[in-house]
PDB file of N, CA and C in Angstrom:
ATOM      1  N   MET A   1       5.904  -9.919 -73.911  1.00  0.00           N
ATOM      2  CA  MET A   1       4.922  -9.587 -72.899  1.00  0.00           C
ATOM      3  C   MET A   1       3.800  -8.778 -73.553  1.00  0.00           C
ATOM      4  N   PRO A   2       2.546  -9.039 -73.163  1.00  0.00           N
ATOM      5  CA  PRO A   2       1.443  -8.272 -73.742  1.00  0.00           C
ATOM      6  C   PRO A   2       1.590  -6.781 -73.470  1.00  0.00           C
ATOM      7  N   ALA A   3       1.212  -5.962 -74.425  1.00  0.00           N
ATOM      8  CA  ALA A   3       1.389  -4.510 -74.324  1.00  0.00           C
ATOM      9  C   ALA A   3       0.693  -3.930 -73.096  1.00  0.00           C
ATOM     10  N   ASP A   4      -0.477  -4.473 -72.726  1.00  0.00           N
ATOM     11  CA  ASP A   4      -1.205  -3.915 -71.584  1.00  0.00           C
ATOM     12  C   ASP A   4      -0.533  -4.231 -70.246  1.00  0.00           C
ATOM     13  N   LEU A   5       0.447  -5.119 -70.241  1.00  0.00           N
ATOM     14  CA  LEU A   5       1.179  -5.440 -69.016  1.00  0.00           C
ATOM     15  C   LEU A   5       2.594  -4.879 -68.994  1.00  0.00           C
ATOM     16  N   SER A   6       3.085  -4.424 -70.109  1.00  0.00           N
ATOM     17  CA  SER A   6       4.493  -4.044 -70.209  1.00  0.00           C
ATOM     18  C   SER A   6       4.897  -2.906 -69.280  1.00  0.00           C
ATOM     19  N   ASP A   7       3.964  -2.020 -68.922  1.00  0.00           N
ATOM     20  CA  ASP A   7       4.298  -0.914 -68.022  1.00  0.00           C
ATOM     21  C   ASP A   7       4.194  -1.290 -66.549  1.00  0.00           C
ATOM     22  N   ILE A   8       3.536  -2.402 -66.233  1.00  0.00           N
ATOM     23  CA  ILE A   8       3.306  -2.740 -64.826  1.00  0.00           C
ATOM     24  C   ILE A   8       3.867  -4.092 -64.413  1.00  0.00           C
ATOM     25  N   ALA A   9       4.429  -4.836 -65.333  1.00  0.00           N
ATOM     26  CA  ALA A   9       4.922  -6.175 -65.010  1.00  0.00           C
ATOM     27  C   ALA A   9       6.278  -6.402 -65.670  1.00  0.00           C
ATOM     28  N   THR A  10       6.965  -7.387 -65.184  1.00  0.00           N
ATOM     29  CA  THR A  10       8.225  -7.780 -65.811  1.00  0.00           C
ATOM     30  C   THR A  10       8.389  -9.284 -65.647  1.00  0.00           C
ATOM     31  N   ALA A  11       9.219  -9.852 -66.456  1.00  0.00           N
ATOM     32  CA  ALA A  11       9.501 -11.277 -66.362  1.00  0.00           C
ATOM     33  C   ALA A  11      10.639 -11.493 -65.358  1.00  0.00           C
ATOM     34  N   VAL A  12      10.510 -12.507 -64.530  1.00  0.00           N
ATOM     35  CA  VAL A  12      11.517 -12.783 -63.502  1.00  0.00           C
ATOM     36  C   VAL A  12      12.881 -13.023 -64.133  1.00  0.00           C
ATOM     37  N   ASN A  13      12.922 -13.744 -65.243  1.00  0.00           N
ATOM     38  CA  ASN A  13      14.215 -14.006 -65.877  1.00  0.00           C
ATOM     39  C   ASN A  13      14.860 -12.726 -66.390  1.00  0.00           C
ATOM     40  N   HIS A  14      14.050 -11.730 -66.734  1.00  0.00           N
ATOM     41  CA  HIS A  14      14.593 -10.443 -67.173  1.00  0.00           C
ATOM     42  C   HIS A  14      15.279  -9.739 -66.006  1.00  0.00           C
ATOM     43  N   VAL A  15      14.647  -9.758 -64.850  1.00  0.00           N
ATOM     44  CA  VAL A  15      15.220  -9.122 -63.659  1.00  0.00           C
ATOM     45  C   VAL A  15      16.476  -9.867 -63.211  1.00  0.00           C
ATOM     46  N   ALA A  16      16.418 -11.193 -63.225  1.00  0.00           N
ATOM     47  CA  ALA A  16      17.549 -12.006 -62.767  1.00  0.00           C
ATOM     48  C   ALA A  16      18.701 -11.993 -63.767  1.00  0.00           C
ATOM     49  N   GLY A  17      18.405 -11.760 -65.026  1.00  0.00           N
ATOM     50  CA  GLY A  17      19.447 -11.757 -66.042  1.00  0.00           C
ATOM     51  C   GLY A  17      19.759 -13.135 -66.597  1.00  0.00           C
ATOM     52  N   HIS A  18      18.968 -14.125 -66.197  1.00  0.00           N
ATOM     53  CA  HIS A  18      19.148 -15.487 -66.711  1.00  0.00           C
ATOM     54  C   HIS A  18      17.827 -16.236 -66.560  1.00  0.00           C
ATOM     55  N   ASP A  19      17.739 -17.391 -67.201  1.00  0.00           N
ATOM     56  CA  ASP A  19      16.512 -18.178 -67.116  1.00  0.00           C
ATOM     57  C   ASP A  19      16.284 -18.657 -65.689  1.00  0.00           C
ATOM     58  N   ILE A  20      15.034 -18.682 -65.285  1.00  0.00           N
ATOM     59  CA  ILE A  20      14.634 -19.126 -63.962  1.00  0.00           C
ATOM     60  C   ILE A  20      13.749 -20.353 -64.119  1.00  0.00           C
ATOM     61  N   ASP A  21      14.041 -21.384 -63.355  1.00  0.00           N
ATOM     62  CA  ASP A  21      13.195 -22.575 -63.351  1.00  0.00           C
ATOM     63  C   ASP A  21      11.927 -22.237 -62.576  1.00  0.00           C
ATOM     64  N   ARG A  22      10.812 -22.173 -63.262  1.00  0.00           N
ATOM     65  CA  ARG A  22       9.561 -21.743 -62.629  1.00  0.00           C
ATOM     66  C   ARG A  22       9.092 -22.708 -61.545  1.00  0.00           C
ATOM     67  N   VAL A  23       9.351 -23.980 -61.713  1.00  0.00           N
ATOM     68  CA  VAL A  23       8.957 -24.951 -60.690  1.00  0.00           C
ATOM     69  C   VAL A  23       9.755 -24.713 -59.412  1.00  0.00           C
ATOM     70  N   LEU A  24      11.069 -24.528 -59.543  1.00  0.00           N
ATOM     71  CA  LEU A  24      11.889 -24.254 -58.358  1.00  0.00           C
ATOM     72  C   LEU A  24      11.495 -22.930 -57.703  1.00  0.00           C
ATOM     73  N   LEU A  25      11.186 -21.923 -58.518  1.00  0.00           N
ATOM     74  CA  LEU A  25      10.731 -20.650 -57.974  1.00  0.00           C
ATOM     75  C   LEU A  25       9.439 -20.832 -57.186  1.00  0.00           C
ATOM     76  N   LEU A  26       8.502 -21.571 -57.737  1.00  0.00           N
ATOM     77  CA  LEU A  26       7.239 -21.825 -57.046  1.00  0.00           C
ATOM     78  C   LEU A  26       7.467 -22.574 -55.737  1.00  0.00           C
ATOM     79  N   VAL A  27       8.316 -23.574 -55.753  1.00  0.00           N
ATOM     80  CA  VAL A  27       8.616 -24.328 -54.529  1.00  0.00           C
ATOM     81  C   VAL A  27       9.219 -23.402 -53.473  1.00  0.00           C
ATOM     82  N   ASP A  28      10.165 -22.560 -53.866  1.00  0.00           N
ATOM     83  CA  ASP A  28      10.769 -21.609 -52.920  1.00  0.00           C
ATOM     84  C   ASP A  28       9.729 -20.646 -52.350  1.00  0.00           C
ATOM     85  N   LEU A  29       8.857 -20.126 -53.219  1.00  0.00           N
ATOM     86  CA  LEU A  29       7.809 -19.220 -52.752  1.00  0.00           C
ATOM     87  C   LEU A  29       6.863 -19.911 -51.778  1.00  0.00           C
ATOM     88  N   LEU A  30       6.468 -21.136 -52.086  1.00  0.00           N
ATOM     89  CA  LEU A  30       5.553 -21.861 -51.201  1.00  0.00           C
ATOM     90  C   LEU A  30       6.209 -22.197 -49.867  1.00  0.00           C
ATOM     91  N   LEU A  31       7.489 -22.550 -49.882  1.00  0.00           N
ATOM     92  CA  LEU A  31       8.191 -22.817 -48.628  1.00  0.00           C
ATOM     93  C   LEU A  31       8.290 -21.553 -47.783  1.00  0.00           C
ATOM     94  N   HIS A  32       8.588 -20.428 -48.434  1.00  0.00           N
ATOM     95  CA  HIS A  32       8.653 -19.156 -47.707  1.00  0.00           C
ATOM     96  C   HIS A  32       7.278 -18.810 -47.138  1.00  0.00           C
ATOM     97  N   PHE A  33       6.239 -18.975 -47.945  1.00  0.00           N
ATOM     98  CA  PHE A  33       4.880 -18.709 -47.482  1.00  0.00           C
ATOM     99  C   PHE A  33       4.535 -19.608 -46.293  1.00  0.00           C
ATOM    100  N   ASP A  34       4.912 -20.881 -46.362  1.00  0.00           N
ATOM    101  CA  ASP A  34       4.622 -21.824 -45.280  1.00  0.00           C
ATOM    102  C   ASP A  34       5.288 -21.393 -43.981  1.00  0.00           C
ATOM    103  N   ARG A  35       6.541 -20.930 -44.056  1.00  0.00           N
ATOM    104  CA  ARG A  35       7.239 -20.458 -42.848  1.00  0.00           C
ATOM    105  C   ARG A  35       6.534 -19.232 -42.273  1.00  0.00           C
ATOM    106  N   ARG A  36       6.128 -18.313 -43.128  1.00  0.00           N
ATOM    107  CA  ARG A  36       5.426 -17.118 -42.661  1.00  0.00           C
ATOM    108  C   ARG A  36       4.049 -17.479 -42.112  1.00  0.00           C
ATOM    109  N   TYR A  37       3.366 -18.417 -42.761  1.00  0.00           N
ATOM    110  CA  TYR A  37       2.037 -18.817 -42.307  1.00  0.00           C
ATOM    111  C   TYR A  37       2.106 -19.374 -40.889  1.00  0.00           C
ATOM    112  N   GLU A  38       3.146 -20.141 -40.601  1.00  0.00           N
ATOM    113  CA  GLU A  38       3.322 -20.695 -39.255  1.00  0.00           C
ATOM    114  C   GLU A  38       3.526 -19.594 -38.218  1.00  0.00           C
ATOM    115  N   GLN A  39       3.971 -18.430 -38.650  1.00  0.00           N
ATOM    116  CA  GLN A  39       4.226 -17.315 -37.736  1.00  0.00           C
ATOM    117  C   GLN A  39       3.008 -16.419 -37.524  1.00  0.00           C
ATOM    118  N   LEU A  40       1.889 -16.695 -38.200  1.00  0.00           N
ATOM    119  CA  LEU A  40       0.712 -15.836 -38.067  1.00  0.00           C
ATOM    120  C   LEU A  40       0.376 -15.626 -36.595  1.00  0.00           C
ATOM    121  N   GLY A  41       0.152 -14.383 -36.251  1.00  0.00           N
ATOM    122  CA  GLY A  41      -0.182 -14.041 -34.874  1.00  0.00           C
ATOM    123  C   GLY A  41       1.022 -13.871 -33.971  1.00  0.00           C
ATOM    124  N   SER A  42       2.214 -14.100 -34.490  1.00  0.00           N
ATOM    125  CA  SER A  42       3.411 -14.004 -33.653  1.00  0.00           C
ATOM    126  C   SER A  42       4.009 -12.602 -33.711  1.00  0.00           C
ATOM    127  N   ALA A  43       4.725 -12.261 -32.663  1.00  0.00           N
ATOM    128  CA  ALA A  43       5.421 -10.970 -32.626  1.00  0.00           C
ATOM    129  C   ALA A  43       6.507 -10.915 -33.691  1.00  0.00           C
ATOM    130  N   ALA A  44       7.118 -12.053 -34.005  1.00  0.00           N
ATOM    131  CA  ALA A  44       8.195 -12.084 -35.003  1.00  0.00           C
ATOM    132  C   ALA A  44       7.679 -11.657 -36.377  1.00  0.00           C
ATOM    133  N   LEU A  45       6.495 -12.133 -36.749  1.00  0.00           N
ATOM    134  CA  LEU A  45       5.945 -11.772 -38.050  1.00  0.00           C
ATOM    135  C   LEU A  45       5.567 -10.293 -38.078  1.00  0.00           C
ATOM    136  N   LEU A  46       4.977  -9.807 -37.004  1.00  0.00           N
ATOM    137  CA  LEU A  46       4.609  -8.400 -36.929  1.00  0.00           C
ATOM    138  C   LEU A  46       5.855  -7.517 -36.975  1.00  0.00           C
ATOM    139  N   ASP A  47       6.902  -7.902 -36.283  1.00  0.00           N
ATOM    140  CA  ASP A  47       8.161  -7.146 -36.327  1.00  0.00           C
ATOM    141  C   ASP A  47       8.756  -7.132 -37.730  1.00  0.00           C
ATOM    142  N   ALA A  48       8.706  -8.270 -38.418  1.00  0.00           N
ATOM    143  CA  ALA A  48       9.223  -8.344 -39.792  1.00  0.00           C
ATOM    144  C   ALA A  48       8.407  -7.444 -40.713  1.00  0.00           C
ATOM    145  N   TRP A  49       7.098  -7.409 -40.505  1.00  0.00           N
ATOM    146  CA  TRP A  49       6.220  -6.551 -41.310  1.00  0.00           C
ATOM    147  C   TRP A  49       6.573  -5.090 -41.068  1.00  0.00           C
ATOM    148  N   ARG A  50       6.723  -4.725 -39.805  1.00  0.00           N
ATOM    149  CA  ARG A  50       7.063  -3.339 -39.478  1.00  0.00           C
ATOM    150  C   ARG A  50       8.410  -2.945 -40.094  1.00  0.00           C
ATOM    151  N   THR A  51       9.379  -3.837 -40.004  1.00  0.00           N
ATOM    152  CA  THR A  51      10.720  -3.561 -40.517  1.00  0.00           C
ATOM    153  C   THR A  51      10.716  -3.370 -42.029  1.00  0.00           C
ATOM    154  N   SER A  52       9.913  -4.147 -42.735  1.00  0.00           N
ATOM    155  CA  SER A  52       9.926  -4.083 -44.198  1.00  0.00           C
ATOM    156  C   SER A  52       8.896  -3.103 -44.765  1.00  0.00           C
ATOM    157  N   SER A  53       8.104  -2.486 -43.914  1.00  0.00           N
ATOM    158  CA  SER A  53       7.056  -1.581 -44.382  1.00  0.00           C
ATOM    159  C   SER A  53       7.649  -0.335 -45.027  1.00  0.00           C
ATOM    160  N   ALA A  54       7.147  -0.003 -46.202  1.00  0.00           N
ATOM    161  CA  ALA A  54       7.543   1.230 -46.881  1.00  0.00           C
ATOM    162  C   ALA A  54       6.680   2.400 -46.423  1.00  0.00           C
ATOM    163  N   THR A  55       5.711   2.132 -45.568  1.00  0.00           N
ATOM    164  CA  THR A  55       4.753   3.155 -45.143  1.00  0.00           C
ATOM    165  C   THR A  55       5.070   3.731 -43.771  1.00  0.00           C
ATOM    166  N   LEU A  56       5.500   2.880 -42.841  1.00  0.00           N
ATOM    167  CA  LEU A  56       5.745   3.363 -41.482  1.00  0.00           C
ATOM    168  C   LEU A  56       6.794   4.469 -41.468  1.00  0.00           C
ATOM    169  N   GLY A  57       6.492   5.518 -40.700  1.00  0.00           N
ATOM    170  CA  GLY A  57       7.396   6.651 -40.579  1.00  0.00           C
ATOM    171  C   GLY A  57       7.213   7.699 -41.664  1.00  0.00           C
ATOM    172  N   ARG A  58       6.336   7.436 -42.616  1.00  0.00           N
ATOM    173  CA  ARG A  58       6.114   8.377 -43.721  1.00  0.00           C
ATOM    174  C   ARG A  58       4.819   9.148 -43.531  1.00  0.00           C
ATOM    175  N   ARG A  59       4.782  10.334 -44.151  1.00  0.00           N
ATOM    176  CA  ARG A  59       3.540  11.102 -44.187  1.00  0.00           C
ATOM    177  C   ARG A  59       2.608  10.422 -45.188  1.00  0.00           C
ATOM    178  N   VAL A  60       1.372  10.242 -44.772  1.00  0.00           N
ATOM    179  CA  VAL A  60       0.396   9.587 -45.633  1.00  0.00           C
ATOM    180  C   VAL A  60      -0.932  10.339 -45.589  1.00  0.00           C
ATOM    181  N   ARG A  61      -1.730  10.096 -46.603  1.00  0.00           N
ATOM    182  CA  ARG A  61      -3.125  10.520 -46.614  1.00  0.00           C
ATOM    183  C   ARG A  61      -3.933   9.244 -46.767  1.00  0.00           C
ATOM    184  N   VAL A  62      -4.950   9.096 -45.922  1.00  0.00           N
ATOM    185  CA  VAL A  62      -5.807   7.916 -45.983  1.00  0.00           C
ATOM    186  C   VAL A  62      -7.211   8.365 -46.358  1.00  0.00           C
ATOM    187  N   ASP A  63      -7.701   7.846 -47.469  1.00  0.00           N
ATOM    188  CA  ASP A  63      -9.063   8.135 -47.910  1.00  0.00           C
ATOM    189  C   ASP A  63      -9.973   7.080 -47.298  1.00  0.00           C
ATOM    190  N   LEU A  64     -10.829   7.517 -46.394  1.00  0.00           N
ATOM    191  CA  LEU A  64     -11.750   6.619 -45.705  1.00  0.00           C
ATOM    192  C   LEU A  64     -13.140   6.623 -46.336  1.00  0.00           C
ATOM    193  N   GLY A  65     -13.271   7.272 -47.476  1.00  0.00           N
ATOM    194  CA  GLY A  65     -14.568   7.384 -48.143  1.00  0.00           C
ATOM    195  C   GLY A  65     -15.258   8.668 -47.728  1.00  0.00           C
ATOM    196  N   ALA A  66     -15.767   8.705 -46.497  1.00  0.00           N
ATOM    197  CA  ALA A  66     -16.484   9.876 -46.003  1.00  0.00           C
ATOM    198  C   ALA A  66     -15.540  10.969 -45.530  1.00  0.00           C
ATOM    199  N   GLU A  67     -14.291  10.627 -45.263  1.00  0.00           N
ATOM    200  CA  GLU A  67     -13.305  11.609 -44.802  1.00  0.00           C
ATOM    201  C   GLU A  67     -11.903  11.177 -45.205  1.00  0.00           C
ATOM    202  N   GLN A  68     -10.988  12.100 -45.080  1.00  0.00           N
ATOM    203  CA  GLN A  68      -9.572  11.819 -45.313  1.00  0.00           C
ATOM    204  C   GLN A  68      -8.798  12.257 -44.082  1.00  0.00           C
ATOM    205  N   ILE A  69      -7.768  11.491 -43.767  1.00  0.00           N
ATOM    206  CA  ILE A  69      -6.878  11.909 -42.687  1.00  0.00           C
ATOM    207  C   ILE A  69      -5.462  11.949 -43.229  1.00  0.00           C
ATOM    208  N   GLU A  70      -4.674  12.887 -42.719  1.00  0.00           N
ATOM    209  CA  GLU A  70      -3.266  12.999 -43.089  1.00  0.00           C
ATOM    210  C   GLU A  70      -2.445  12.977 -41.826  1.00  0.00           C
ATOM    211  N   GLY A  71      -1.286  12.366 -41.927  1.00  0.00           N
ATOM    212  CA  GLY A  71      -0.385  12.338 -40.794  1.00  0.00           C
ATOM    213  C   GLY A  71       0.740  11.358 -41.027  1.00  0.00           C
ATOM    214  N   ILE A  72       1.439  11.036 -39.958  1.00  0.00           N
ATOM    215  CA  ILE A  72       2.555  10.095 -40.021  1.00  0.00           C
ATOM    216  C   ILE A  72       2.035   8.697 -39.708  1.00  0.00           C
ATOM    217  N   ALA A  73       2.401   7.739 -40.544  1.00  0.00           N
ATOM    218  CA  ALA A  73       2.062   6.336 -40.286  1.00  0.00           C
ATOM    219  C   ALA A  73       2.966   5.858 -39.158  1.00  0.00           C
ATOM    220  N   ASP A  74       2.377   5.667 -37.978  1.00  0.00           N
ATOM    221  CA  ASP A  74       3.137   5.373 -36.769  1.00  0.00           C
ATOM    222  C   ASP A  74       3.417   3.900 -36.547  1.00  0.00           C
ATOM    223  N   ASP A  75       2.440   3.047 -36.850  1.00  0.00           N
ATOM    224  CA  ASP A  75       2.567   1.663 -36.420  1.00  0.00           C
ATOM    225  C   ASP A  75       1.613   0.781 -37.203  1.00  0.00           C
ATOM    226  N   ILE A  76       1.774  -0.516 -37.001  1.00  0.00           N
ATOM    227  CA  ILE A  76       0.840  -1.527 -37.482  1.00  0.00           C
ATOM    228  C   ILE A  76       0.432  -2.320 -36.246  1.00  0.00           C
ATOM    229  N   THR A  77      -0.869  -2.455 -36.025  1.00  0.00           N
ATOM    230  CA  THR A  77      -1.344  -3.169 -34.845  1.00  0.00           C
ATOM    231  C   THR A  77      -1.226  -4.674 -35.048  1.00  0.00           C
ATOM    232  N   ALA A  78      -1.430  -5.419 -33.979  1.00  0.00           N
ATOM    233  CA  ALA A  78      -1.403  -6.882 -34.051  1.00  0.00           C
ATOM    234  C   ALA A  78      -2.498  -7.415 -34.972  1.00  0.00           C
ATOM    235  N   ASP A  79      -3.554  -6.633 -35.179  1.00  0.00           N
ATOM    236  CA  ASP A  79      -4.623  -7.035 -36.094  1.00  0.00           C
ATOM    237  C   ASP A  79      -4.345  -6.618 -37.531  1.00  0.00           C
ATOM    238  N   GLY A  80      -3.204  -5.941 -37.782  1.00  0.00           N
ATOM    239  CA  GLY A  80      -2.834  -5.531 -39.130  1.00  0.00           C
ATOM    240  C   GLY A  80      -3.377  -4.188 -39.546  1.00  0.00           C
ATOM    241  N   HIS A  81      -3.853  -3.399 -38.587  1.00  0.00           N
ATOM    242  CA  HIS A  81      -4.380  -2.074 -38.905  1.00  0.00           C
ATOM    243  C   HIS A  81      -3.267  -1.041 -38.856  1.00  0.00           C
ATOM    244  N   LEU A  82      -3.336  -0.081 -39.748  1.00  0.00           N
ATOM    245  CA  LEU A  82      -2.364   1.003 -39.783  1.00  0.00           C
ATOM    246  C   LEU A  82      -2.747   2.054 -38.743  1.00  0.00           C
ATOM    247  N   VAL A  83      -1.756   2.581 -38.050  1.00  0.00           N
ATOM    248  CA  VAL A  83      -1.981   3.649 -37.085  1.00  0.00           C
ATOM    249  C   VAL A  83      -1.376   4.927 -37.669  1.00  0.00           C
ATOM    250  N   VAL A  84      -2.218   5.947 -37.828  1.00  0.00           N
ATOM    251  CA  VAL A  84      -1.794   7.233 -38.389  1.00  0.00           C
ATOM    252  C   VAL A  84      -2.051   8.303 -37.334  1.00  0.00           C
ATOM    253  N   ASP A  85      -0.972   8.920 -36.868  1.00  0.00           N
ATOM    254  CA  ASP A  85      -1.061   9.936 -35.808  1.00  0.00           C
ATOM    255  C   ASP A  85      -1.920   9.458 -34.641  1.00  0.00           C
ATOM    256  N   GLY A  86      -1.707   8.211 -34.251  1.00  0.00           N
ATOM    257  CA  GLY A  86      -2.407   7.649 -33.104  1.00  0.00           C
ATOM    258  C   GLY A  86      -3.789   7.113 -33.397  1.00  0.00           C
ATOM    259  N   ARG A  87      -4.268   7.281 -34.611  1.00  0.00           N
ATOM    260  CA  ARG A  87      -5.613   6.818 -34.985  1.00  0.00           C
ATOM    261  C   ARG A  87      -5.513   5.506 -35.757  1.00  0.00           C
ATOM    262  N   GLU A  88      -6.202   4.496 -35.299  1.00  0.00           N
ATOM    263  CA  GLU A  88      -6.190   3.189 -35.939  1.00  0.00           C
ATOM    264  C   GLU A  88      -7.095   3.200 -37.165  1.00  0.00           C
ATOM    265  N   VAL A  89      -6.536   2.800 -38.293  1.00  0.00           N
ATOM    266  CA  VAL A  89      -7.269   2.777 -39.556  1.00  0.00           C
ATOM    267  C   VAL A  89      -7.461   1.323 -39.964  1.00  0.00           C
ATOM    268  N   THR A  90      -8.711   0.905 -40.060  1.00  0.00           N
ATOM    269  CA  THR A  90      -8.991  -0.494 -40.388  1.00  0.00           C
ATOM    270  C   THR A  90      -9.152  -0.736 -41.879  1.00  0.00           C
ATOM    271  N   ALA A  91      -9.523   0.318 -42.624  1.00  0.00           N
ATOM    272  CA  ALA A  91      -9.675   0.186 -44.074  1.00  0.00           C
ATOM    273  C   ALA A  91      -9.608   1.564 -44.700  1.00  0.00           C
ATOM    274  N   GLY A  92      -9.027   1.642 -45.871  1.00  0.00           N
ATOM    275  CA  GLY A  92      -8.942   2.905 -46.588  1.00  0.00           C
ATOM    276  C   GLY A  92      -7.843   2.844 -47.623  1.00  0.00           C
ATOM    277  N   ASP A  93      -7.816   3.829 -48.491  1.00  0.00           N
ATOM    278  CA  ASP A  93      -6.776   3.938 -49.509  1.00  0.00           C
ATOM    279  C   ASP A  93      -5.675   4.836 -48.967  1.00  0.00           C
ATOM    280  N   VAL A  94      -4.452   4.302 -48.917  1.00  0.00           N
ATOM    281  CA  VAL A  94      -3.313   5.028 -48.352  1.00  0.00           C
ATOM    282  C   VAL A  94      -2.437   5.541 -49.474  1.00  0.00           C
ATOM    283  N   VAL A  95      -2.105   6.829 -49.417  1.00  0.00           N
ATOM    284  CA  VAL A  95      -1.218   7.452 -50.391  1.00  0.00           C
ATOM    285  C   VAL A  95      -0.020   8.010 -49.649  1.00  0.00           C
ATOM    286  N   HIS A  96       1.182   7.691 -50.116  1.00  0.00           N
ATOM    287  CA  HIS A  96       2.397   8.256 -49.535  1.00  0.00           C
ATOM    288  C   HIS A  96       2.530   9.698 -50.015  1.00  0.00           C
ATOM    289  N   LEU A  97       2.785  10.612 -49.088  1.00  0.00           N
ATOM    290  CA  LEU A  97       2.935  12.018 -49.428  1.00  0.00           C
ATOM    291  C   LEU A  97       4.402  12.416 -49.399  1.00  0.00           C
ATOM    292  N   ARG A  98       4.722  13.452 -50.115  1.00  0.00           N
ATOM    293  CA  ARG A  98       6.090  13.979 -50.087  1.00  0.00           C
ATOM    294  C   ARG A  98       6.378  14.558 -48.711  1.00  0.00           C
ATOM    295  N   PRO A  99       7.618  14.428 -48.255  1.00  0.00           N
ATOM    296  CA  PRO A  99       7.963  15.025 -46.958  1.00  0.00           C
ATOM    297  C   PRO A  99       7.806  16.542 -46.993  1.00  0.00           C
ATOM    298  N   VAL A 100       7.404  17.105 -45.871  1.00  0.00           N
ATOM    299  CA  VAL A 100       7.275  18.552 -45.740  1.00  0.00           C
ATOM    300  C   VAL A 100       8.616  19.087 -45.262  1.00  0.00           C
ATOM    301  N   ASP A 101       9.157  20.075 -45.995  1.00  0.00           N
ATOM    302  CA  ASP A 101      10.455  20.634 -45.610  1.00  0.00           C
ATOM    303  C   ASP A 101      10.291  21.771 -44.635  1.00  0.00           C
TER     304      ASP A 101
END
């Protein structure tokens, strides 16, 4: 692996511990994407997103450019916007913060 990628990337076969057929992997990924694409706009997809989110329920700081907000990431709207302490955020850089004891 190129040195400039070694800290941020890994080979799938390294993670799996054996060789991976790249064509079969691509087919599986495309089939999964196709199933999710069919769910766009559905409550099922939004629920799956909420369930798998590493952000919801955590303290975050959102850099909006002109201001920053901190709070708990409460929800994801149907439009895909993050809700932080009741405020809908349409764009910004989100940083996970350490929990306050």
